[in-house]
Amino acid sequence: MSKIRGQIILLIVMTSAFVSLAGCTSKSSTQLNLPPGVTIEEYQLKDAPSLDPLTFIPVNGTQEEILSKHQQERGNSFPDNSFFQDGLPGFSVTVGDEKILALLTFTNYTTDEGVFQKGTVQVTGNGKELYSIQAGDASPLKNLQGLWGYSNHWVLEIAYVDLTIPPQNEISLDVQGQLYQDGELLNDRNDYKEAFNFQMMNGKPFYFFDRDGKIGISYNGQEVILGYSQIPHYQCCSAAQLNPRKAKDMVAFFGQREGKWYYVEIGVFQ
C-alpha cells in the first residue's frame, strides 16, 4: 500500500533505459524460477536519482550507456484505449464479441472538514451494466488506472484512495492498488495486500503484487518474489514519471532493496 502524507512526495523520476555492462545483474528464466523467456535486468545506483533534470549515477557505467540498450523496445507502446464521456474518464476493450466499458463517476459527501467526492467505476458490456465497483476518494491520483482485455477475460485496475484530514488539516492519502478480473477482486483471491501496474507483456498478463510486505510479479499466472521493499507507483502530476513504464514486451521501473536503489527492466527480450 502506498502511503502519502501531505502533498504527494516526489522521490525519483522514472526513466526508460538499461544496458548490459559490468555491474549489471541479469537474471534469466533459469534463475528466481522465472517464467520461460522472462529476463530481469537490474542496475544498482549509487543513490536515488536527482531531478530537474533527471540524473542518476550507476555503480558501473554511465547514464548515457544505460539509456541505450532497450530503447527500441521501450518505444513499442500500447494503443490508447482511454476516452472521456461528459468530462468523466473511461477505458474500453473488446473481449470476444463484447465491448467492455469502464467509466469513473463521482458523488459528493460532506464531513466537518468540507465537501469531498467518492468514486465509482461502472463496468458495462455491450451497453448493459455488469458491475459497480467502488474506487475510493477523489484526489490528485487517478482512481481508474486502466482496463485490459485478453483471451476471454477483462482486467480493471483501480488505485483505491482513502482520504483523511487530521486536525492540522494536512491531507493524508492511503492508496491501494486493486485488480479485478471479470469482476472478481484478485487481491482477495490471491491474498495480496496490493496489486498494481497491470499490463500485457508479450501477449500475456503481467502485474506487480505485495503479499506480506514482499513485492513480486505475476506473469501468465506464475508468481515470482523479487525482493524489493518498494517500487514507486501511482504518483501523479510531475511525479507520475516515477511510475513503472509499460511497453508491449517489457516494463521499466525503480526499486529499493535493503536501502539501495536499482533501475530494473523486466521483459521478454528478443
Foldseek 3Di string as FASTA:
>chain_A
DDKAWFARDQFAFADDFAADDPQKDKDACVPLVHDHLKMKIKFFWPAGFDPPPTATHTPDDGPVRRHPDCVVQLVQADDDQWDADPNWIKGWDDADNKIKIWTKDWDWDADPVGIWIWIWIFIDIPPHTDDIHTQATDDLFDQWDDWDYAHRKIKTKGFRWHWDQPPVRIIIIDTAIWMAISNRTVCVVVVFRHKDDWDAALRWIKTWTAHPQFIWMATNRDIGTDQFNDWDARDGDSSNSQHWRDHRFKIWTWTHHPRIIMTMMMGSDD
